[in-house]
Protein backbone atom coordinates (compact mmCIF):
# COMPACT_ATOMS: atom_id res chain seq x y z
CA MET A 1 50.20 -25.70 34.10
CA ASN A 2 48.04 -24.31 36.74
CA GLY A 3 48.62 -21.84 39.90
CA PHE A 4 48.70 -24.60 42.08
CA ASP A 5 51.38 -26.03 40.20
CA TYR A 6 53.62 -23.06 40.13
CA PHE A 7 52.93 -22.17 43.77
CA VAL A 8 54.40 -26.35 44.66
CA ILE A 9 57.57 -25.51 42.46
CA ILE A 10 58.27 -22.06 44.20
CA ALA A 11 57.36 -23.47 47.90
CA TYR A 12 59.70 -26.60 47.12
CA LEU A 13 62.36 -23.91 45.63
CA GLY A 14 61.97 -22.04 48.70
CA ALA A 15 61.97 -24.81 51.09
CA MET A 16 65.31 -26.32 49.47
CA LEU A 17 67.07 -22.98 50.33
CA VAL A 18 66.06 -22.65 53.83
CA PHE A 19 67.14 -26.40 54.57
CA GLY A 20 70.63 -25.76 52.65
CA LEU A 21 71.07 -22.45 54.91
CA PHE A 22 69.90 -24.29 58.20
CA LEU A 23 72.28 -27.01 57.72
CA SER A 24 75.36 -25.34 56.28
CA LYS A 25 78.29 -25.80 58.35
CA GLN A 26 81.14 -24.49 56.16
CA SER A 27 82.96 -21.97 58.22
CA ASP A 28 85.55 -21.20 54.94
CA GLU A 29 86.25 -22.14 51.32
CA GLY A 30 88.59 -25.11 52.99
CA ASP A 31 85.46 -26.57 54.66
CA TYR A 32 83.62 -26.26 51.54
CA PHE A 33 86.02 -27.62 48.86
CA LEU A 34 87.74 -29.92 50.83
CA GLY A 35 85.14 -31.34 53.40
CA ASN A 36 87.33 -30.14 56.13
CA LYS A 37 89.56 -33.40 54.76
CA SER A 38 87.12 -35.27 56.97
CA ILE A 39 85.77 -37.68 54.34
CA GLY A 40 87.36 -41.08 53.43
CA TRP A 41 89.02 -42.20 49.87
CA PHE A 42 86.21 -44.67 49.12
CA PRO A 43 83.23 -42.01 49.29
CA LEU A 44 85.40 -39.72 47.74
CA ALA A 45 85.90 -41.97 45.05
CA LEU A 46 82.36 -42.71 44.59
CA SER A 47 81.10 -39.20 44.54
CA THR A 48 83.48 -38.34 41.50
CA MET A 49 82.81 -41.56 39.89
CA ALA A 50 79.21 -40.45 40.12
CA THR A 51 79.69 -37.03 39.11
């Protein structure tokens, strides 16, 4: 790997960090762990199965 590869990896990780910080809308732990109880049972089941 050369310097450009390391630059791309670091830029990607930094962009994902900034993207996550700007789009996070959780106000407390309940929003984070329970999704404010706004998700239906079917998407929740698919997410659990995929995990």
